[in-house]
PDB file of N, CA and C in Angstrom:
ATOM      1  N   MET A   1     107.750 100.117 117.844  1.00  0.00           N
ATOM      2  CA  MET A   1     106.951 100.583 116.752  1.00  0.00           C
ATOM      3  C   MET A   1     105.722  99.677 116.701  1.00  0.00           C
ATOM      4  N   ARG A   2     104.558 100.265 116.923  1.00  0.00           N
ATOM      5  CA  ARG A   2     103.346  99.461 116.916  1.00  0.00           C
ATOM      6  C   ARG A   2     102.261 100.180 116.146  1.00  0.00           C
ATOM      7  N   LYS A   3     101.355  99.400 115.612  1.00  0.00           N
ATOM      8  CA  LYS A   3     100.211  99.998 114.931  1.00  0.00           C
ATOM      9  C   LYS A   3      99.333 100.701 115.952  1.00  0.00           C
ATOM     10  N   GLY A   4      98.492 101.570 115.478  1.00  0.00           N
ATOM     11  CA  GLY A   4      97.583 102.266 116.368  1.00  0.00           C
ATOM     12  C   GLY A   4      96.657 101.303 117.083  1.00  0.00           C
ATOM     13  N   GLN A   5      96.169 101.692 118.236  1.00  0.00           N
ATOM     14  CA  GLN A   5      95.339 100.823 119.052  1.00  0.00           C
ATOM     15  C   GLN A   5      94.050 100.413 118.344  1.00  0.00           C
ATOM     16  N   LYS A   6      93.449 101.329 117.594  1.00  0.00           N
ATOM     17  CA  LYS A   6      92.160 101.041 116.970  1.00  0.00           C
ATOM     18  C   LYS A   6      92.277 100.566 115.524  1.00  0.00           C
ATOM     19  N   ALA A   7      93.435 100.693 114.925  1.00  0.00           N
ATOM     20  CA  ALA A   7      93.596 100.343 113.510  1.00  0.00           C
ATOM     21  C   ALA A   7      94.204  98.950 113.371  1.00  0.00           C
ATOM     22  N   ALA A   8      93.382  97.989 113.000  1.00  0.00           N
ATOM     23  CA  ALA A   8      93.897  96.642 112.780  1.00  0.00           C
ATOM     24  C   ALA A   8      94.693  96.587 111.484  1.00  0.00           C
ATOM     25  N   HIS A   9      94.290  97.389 110.512  1.00  0.00           N
ATOM     26  CA  HIS A   9      94.990  97.454 109.230  1.00  0.00           C
ATOM     27  C   HIS A   9      94.830  98.855 108.669  1.00  0.00           C
ATOM     28  N   ARG A  10      95.930  99.477 108.312  1.00  0.00           N
ATOM     29  CA  ARG A  10      95.858 100.816 107.741  1.00  0.00           C
ATOM     30  C   ARG A  10      95.633 100.705 106.244  1.00  0.00           C
ATOM     31  N   LYS A  11      94.747 101.524 105.720  1.00  0.00           N
ATOM     32  CA  LYS A  11      94.487 101.538 104.288  1.00  0.00           C
ATOM     33  C   LYS A  11      95.192 102.745 103.690  1.00  0.00           C
ATOM     34  N   TYR A  12      96.061 102.485 102.738  1.00  0.00           N
ATOM     35  CA  TYR A  12      96.836 103.535 102.099  1.00  0.00           C
ATOM     36  C   TYR A  12      96.399 103.708 100.655  1.00  0.00           C
ATOM     37  N   LYS A  13      96.488 104.911 100.192  1.00  0.00           N
ATOM     38  CA  LYS A  13      96.304 105.187  98.776  1.00  0.00           C
ATOM     39  C   LYS A  13      97.645 104.915  98.092  1.00  0.00           C
ATOM     40  N   ASP A  14      97.658 104.892  96.769  1.00  0.00           N
ATOM     41  CA  ASP A  14      98.907 104.685  96.043  1.00  0.00           C
ATOM     42  C   ASP A  14      99.938 105.731  96.467  1.00  0.00           C
ATOM     43  N   ASN A  15     101.177 105.295  96.589  1.00  0.00           N
ATOM     44  CA  ASN A  15     102.315 106.157  96.919  1.00  0.00           C
ATOM     45  C   ASN A  15     102.239 106.768  98.312  1.00  0.00           C
ATOM     46  N   GLU A  16     101.543 106.137  99.247  1.00  0.00           N
ATOM     47  CA  GLU A  16     101.507 106.594 100.631  1.00  0.00           C
ATOM     48  C   GLU A  16     102.252 105.587 101.502  1.00  0.00           C
ATOM     49  N   ILE A  17     102.953 106.103 102.526  1.00  0.00           N
ATOM     50  CA  ILE A  17     103.698 105.250 103.448  1.00  0.00           C
ATOM     51  C   ILE A  17     103.882 105.999 104.764  1.00  0.00           C
ATOM     52  N   ASP A  18     103.983 105.273 105.858  1.00  0.00           N
ATOM     53  CA  ASP A  18     104.327 105.871 107.147  1.00  0.00           C
ATOM     54  C   ASP A  18     105.841 105.999 107.237  1.00  0.00           C
ATOM     55  N   ILE A  19     106.292 107.044 107.856  1.00  0.00           N
ATOM     56  CA  ILE A  19     107.696 107.172 108.257  1.00  0.00           C
ATOM     57  C   ILE A  19     107.667 107.500 109.739  1.00  0.00           C
ATOM     58  N   PHE A  20     108.350 106.682 110.524  1.00  0.00           N
ATOM     59  CA  PHE A  20     108.356 106.850 111.975  1.00  0.00           C
ATOM     60  C   PHE A  20     109.545 107.710 112.399  1.00  0.00           C
ATOM     61  N   ALA A  21     109.328 108.532 113.410  1.00  0.00           N
ATOM     62  CA  ALA A  21     110.379 109.377 113.971  1.00  0.00           C
ATOM     63  C   ALA A  21     110.544 109.010 115.445  1.00  0.00           C
ATOM     64  N   PHE A  22     111.723 108.517 115.794  1.00  0.00           N
ATOM     65  CA  PHE A  22     112.041 108.163 117.173  1.00  0.00           C
ATOM     66  C   PHE A  22     112.899 109.285 117.745  1.00  0.00           C
ATOM     67  N   VAL A  23     112.415 109.918 118.797  1.00  0.00           N
ATOM     68  CA  VAL A  23     113.048 111.126 119.339  1.00  0.00           C
ATOM     69  C   VAL A  23     113.761 110.815 120.641  1.00  0.00           C
ATOM     70  N   SER A  24     114.996 111.316 120.755  1.00  0.00           N
ATOM     71  CA  SER A  24     115.746 111.232 122.004  1.00  0.00           C
ATOM     72  C   SER A  24     115.915 112.639 122.560  1.00  0.00           C
ATOM     73  N   ILE A  25     115.235 112.912 123.660  1.00  0.00           N
ATOM     74  CA  ILE A  25     115.371 114.211 124.314  1.00  0.00           C
ATOM     75  C   ILE A  25     116.789 114.365 124.866  1.00  0.00           C
ATOM     76  N   THR A  26     117.312 113.289 125.433  1.00  0.00           N
ATOM     77  CA  THR A  26     118.655 113.320 126.028  1.00  0.00           C
ATOM     78  C   THR A  26     119.707 113.762 125.021  1.00  0.00           C
ATOM     79  N   HIS A  27     119.655 113.188 123.811  1.00  0.00           N
ATOM     80  CA  HIS A  27     120.665 113.492 122.789  1.00  0.00           C
ATOM     81  C   HIS A  27     120.207 114.575 121.824  1.00  0.00           C
ATOM     82  N   ARG A  28     118.974 115.043 121.988  1.00  0.00           N
ATOM     83  CA  ARG A  28     118.411 116.049 121.079  1.00  0.00           C
ATOM     84  C   ARG A  28     118.582 115.614 119.625  1.00  0.00           C
ATOM     85  N   ASN A  29     118.100 114.421 119.358  1.00  0.00           N
ATOM     86  CA  ASN A  29     118.273 113.832 118.036  1.00  0.00           C
ATOM     87  C   ASN A  29     117.044 113.016 117.659  1.00  0.00           C
ATOM     88  N   VAL A  30     116.923 112.737 116.381  1.00  0.00           N
ATOM     89  CA  VAL A  30     115.807 111.961 115.852  1.00  0.00           C
ATOM     90  C   VAL A  30     116.353 110.889 114.918  1.00  0.00           C
ATOM     91  N   VAL A  31     115.793 109.687 115.023  1.00  0.00           N
ATOM     92  CA  VAL A  31     116.087 108.608 114.081  1.00  0.00           C
ATOM     93  C   VAL A  31     114.789 108.314 113.338  1.00  0.00           C
ATOM     94  N   PHE A  32     114.851 108.351 112.017  1.00  0.00           N
ATOM     95  CA  PHE A  32     113.697 108.071 111.175  1.00  0.00           C
ATOM     96  C   PHE A  32     113.776 106.629 110.685  1.00  0.00           C
ATOM     97  N   SER A  33     112.604 106.018 110.485  1.00  0.00           N
ATOM     98  CA  SER A  33     112.564 104.638 110.009  1.00  0.00           C
ATOM     99  C   SER A  33     111.309 104.405 109.175  1.00  0.00           C
ATOM    100  N   LYS A  34     111.473 103.611 108.134  1.00  0.00           N
ATOM    101  CA  LYS A  34     110.312 103.125 107.383  1.00  0.00           C
ATOM    102  C   LYS A  34     109.713 101.981 108.186  1.00  0.00           C
ATOM    103  N   PRO A  35     108.456 101.625 107.921  1.00  0.00           N
ATOM    104  CA  PRO A  35     107.888 100.447 108.581  1.00  0.00           C
ATOM    105  C   PRO A  35     108.709  99.203 108.231  1.00  0.00           C
ATOM    106  N   LEU A  36     108.958  98.386 109.215  1.00  0.00           N
ATOM    107  CA  LEU A  36     109.749  97.176 109.027  1.00  0.00           C
ATOM    108  C   LEU A  36     108.873  95.966 109.299  1.00  0.00           C
ATOM    109  N   ASN A  37     109.179  94.875 108.656  1.00  0.00           N
ATOM    110  CA  ASN A  37     108.422  93.631 108.867  1.00  0.00           C
ATOM    111  C   ASN A  37     108.998  92.876 110.051  1.00  0.00           C
ATOM    112  N   GLN A  38     108.914  93.489 111.213  1.00  0.00           N
ATOM    113  CA  GLN A  38     109.393  92.852 112.432  1.00  0.00           C
ATOM    114  C   GLN A  38     108.539  93.337 113.593  1.00  0.00           C
ATOM    115  N   VAL A  39     108.593  92.617 114.683  1.00  0.00           N
ATOM    116  CA  VAL A  39     107.752  92.914 115.838  1.00  0.00           C
ATOM    117  C   VAL A  39     108.373  93.988 116.722  1.00  0.00           C
ATOM    118  N   GLN A  40     109.689  94.045 116.773  1.00  0.00           N
ATOM    119  CA  GLN A  40     110.370  94.933 117.707  1.00  0.00           C
ATOM    120  C   GLN A  40     111.523  95.634 117.016  1.00  0.00           C
ATOM    121  N   LEU A  41     111.783  96.870 117.418  1.00  0.00           N
ATOM    122  CA  LEU A  41     112.923  97.635 116.916  1.00  0.00           C
ATOM    123  C   LEU A  41     113.660  98.217 118.103  1.00  0.00           C
ATOM    124  N   THR A  42     114.952  97.968 118.177  1.00  0.00           N
ATOM    125  CA  THR A  42     115.787  98.522 119.247  1.00  0.00           C
ATOM    126  C   THR A  42     116.796  99.468 118.624  1.00  0.00           C
ATOM    127  N   ILE A  43     116.845 100.680 119.139  1.00  0.00           N
ATOM    128  CA  ILE A  43     117.836 101.656 118.691  1.00  0.00           C
ATOM    129  C   ILE A  43     118.792 101.857 119.856  1.00  0.00           C
ATOM    130  N   VAL A  44     120.021 101.445 119.665  1.00  0.00           N
ATOM    131  CA  VAL A  44     120.997 101.552 120.746  1.00  0.00           C
ATOM    132  C   VAL A  44     121.380 103.012 120.959  1.00  0.00           C
ATOM    133  N   ASP A  45     121.755 103.325 122.172  1.00  0.00           N
ATOM    134  CA  ASP A  45     122.071 104.692 122.572  1.00  0.00           C
ATOM    135  C   ASP A  45     123.141 105.318 121.678  1.00  0.00           C
ATOM    136  N   GLU A  46     124.156 104.556 121.340  1.00  0.00           N
ATOM    137  CA  GLU A  46     125.256 105.072 120.516  1.00  0.00           C
ATOM    138  C   GLU A  46     124.754 105.494 119.138  1.00  0.00           C
ATOM    139  N   HIS A  47     123.863 104.714 118.554  1.00  0.00           N
ATOM    140  CA  HIS A  47     123.302 105.057 117.246  1.00  0.00           C
ATOM    141  C   HIS A  47     122.442 106.320 117.342  1.00  0.00           C
ATOM    142  N   MET A  48     121.641 106.416 118.389  1.00  0.00           N
ATOM    143  CA  MET A  48     120.806 107.600 118.571  1.00  0.00           C
ATOM    144  C   MET A  48     121.670 108.846 118.734  1.00  0.00           C
ATOM    145  N   LYS A  49     122.720 108.719 119.490  1.00  0.00           N
ATOM    146  CA  LYS A  49     123.598 109.857 119.767  1.00  0.00           C
ATOM    147  C   LYS A  49     124.342 110.320 118.516  1.00  0.00           C
ATOM    148  N   ASN A  50     124.771 109.387 117.675  1.00  0.00           N
ATOM    149  CA  ASN A  50     125.610 109.728 116.526  1.00  0.00           C
ATOM    150  C   ASN A  50     124.851 109.830 115.207  1.00  0.00           C
ATOM    151  N   ASN A  51     123.544 109.657 115.230  1.00  0.00           N
ATOM    152  CA  ASN A  51     122.755 109.696 114.009  1.00  0.00           C
ATOM    153  C   ASN A  51     122.745 111.095 113.399  1.00  0.00           C
ATOM    154  N   ASP A  52     122.904 111.159 112.087  1.00  0.00           N
ATOM    155  CA  ASP A  52     122.742 112.420 111.344  1.00  0.00           C
ATOM    156  C   ASP A  52     121.305 112.409 110.818  1.00  0.00           C
ATOM    157  N   ALA A  53     120.408 113.103 111.514  1.00  0.00           N
ATOM    158  CA  ALA A  53     118.969 113.043 111.220  1.00  0.00           C
ATOM    159  C   ALA A  53     118.655 113.493 109.796  1.00  0.00           C
ATOM    160  N   LEU A  54     119.308 114.541 109.329  1.00  0.00           N
ATOM    161  CA  LEU A  54     119.043 115.033 107.979  1.00  0.00           C
ATOM    162  C   LEU A  54     119.434 113.987 106.937  1.00  0.00           C
ATOM    163  N   ARG A  55     120.610 113.423 107.086  1.00  0.00           N
ATOM    164  CA  ARG A  55     121.050 112.382 106.149  1.00  0.00           C
ATOM    165  C   ARG A  55     120.149 111.149 106.239  1.00  0.00           C
ATOM    166  N   ASN A  56     119.737 110.807 107.453  1.00  0.00           N
ATOM    167  CA  ASN A  56     118.858 109.662 107.680  1.00  0.00           C
ATOM    168  C   ASN A  56     117.547 109.808 106.899  1.00  0.00           C
ATOM    169  N   ILE A  57     116.875 110.947 107.006  1.00  0.00           N
ATOM    170  CA  ILE A  57     115.605 111.142 106.305  1.00  0.00           C
ATOM    171  C   ILE A  57     115.819 111.246 104.792  1.00  0.00           C
ATOM    172  N   GLN A  58     116.914 111.856 104.379  1.00  0.00           N
ATOM    173  CA  GLN A  58     117.208 111.943 102.946  1.00  0.00           C
ATOM    174  C   GLN A  58     117.421 110.548 102.353  1.00  0.00           C
ATOM    175  N   ASP A  59     118.127 109.682 103.069  1.00  0.00           N
ATOM    176  CA  ASP A  59     118.356 108.308 102.598  1.00  0.00           C
ATOM    177  C   ASP A  59     117.038 107.545 102.474  1.00  0.00           C
ATOM    178  N   ILE A  60     116.147 107.716 103.435  1.00  0.00           N
ATOM    179  CA  ILE A  60     114.858 107.031 103.383  1.00  0.00           C
ATOM    180  C   ILE A  60     114.041 107.528 102.198  1.00  0.00           C
ATOM    181  N   LEU A  61     113.983 108.836 102.013  1.00  0.00           N
ATOM    182  CA  LEU A  61     113.201 109.390 100.907  1.00  0.00           C
ATOM    183  C   LEU A  61     113.776 108.978  99.558  1.00  0.00           C
ATOM    184  N   LYS A  62     115.098 108.927  99.458  1.00  0.00           N
ATOM    185  CA  LYS A  62     115.745 108.497  98.220  1.00  0.00           C
ATOM    186  C   LYS A  62     115.436 107.028  97.935  1.00  0.00           C
ATOM    187  N   ASP A  63     115.410 106.224  98.979  1.00  0.00           N
ATOM    188  CA  ASP A  63     115.125 104.798  98.854  1.00  0.00           C
ATOM    189  C   ASP A  63     113.677 104.561  98.384  1.00  0.00           C
ATOM    190  N   LEU A  64     112.783 105.473  98.690  1.00  0.00           N
ATOM    191  CA  LEU A  64     111.378 105.323  98.319  1.00  0.00           C
ATOM    192  C   LEU A  64     111.102 105.670  96.861  1.00  0.00           C
ATOM    193  N   GLN A  65     112.030 106.336  96.204  1.00  0.00           N
ATOM    194  CA  GLN A  65     111.820 106.755  94.813  1.00  0.00           C
ATOM    195  C   GLN A  65     111.900 105.596  93.860  1.00  0.00           C
TER     196      GLN A  65
END
């Protein structure tokens, strides 16, 4: 997960946030994530394979309220 090449800092309006979608073609699945205060994110194959994408995005949206 990295910032855009040309954007050193993203400017957001109130109540705006990025949500990242990591797609696995092999498992036909998606893992959603809020921005994290870390340099690297590793999603292990088992988590990608067993992720419930709908529940994952619902949990993130609920957490943002």
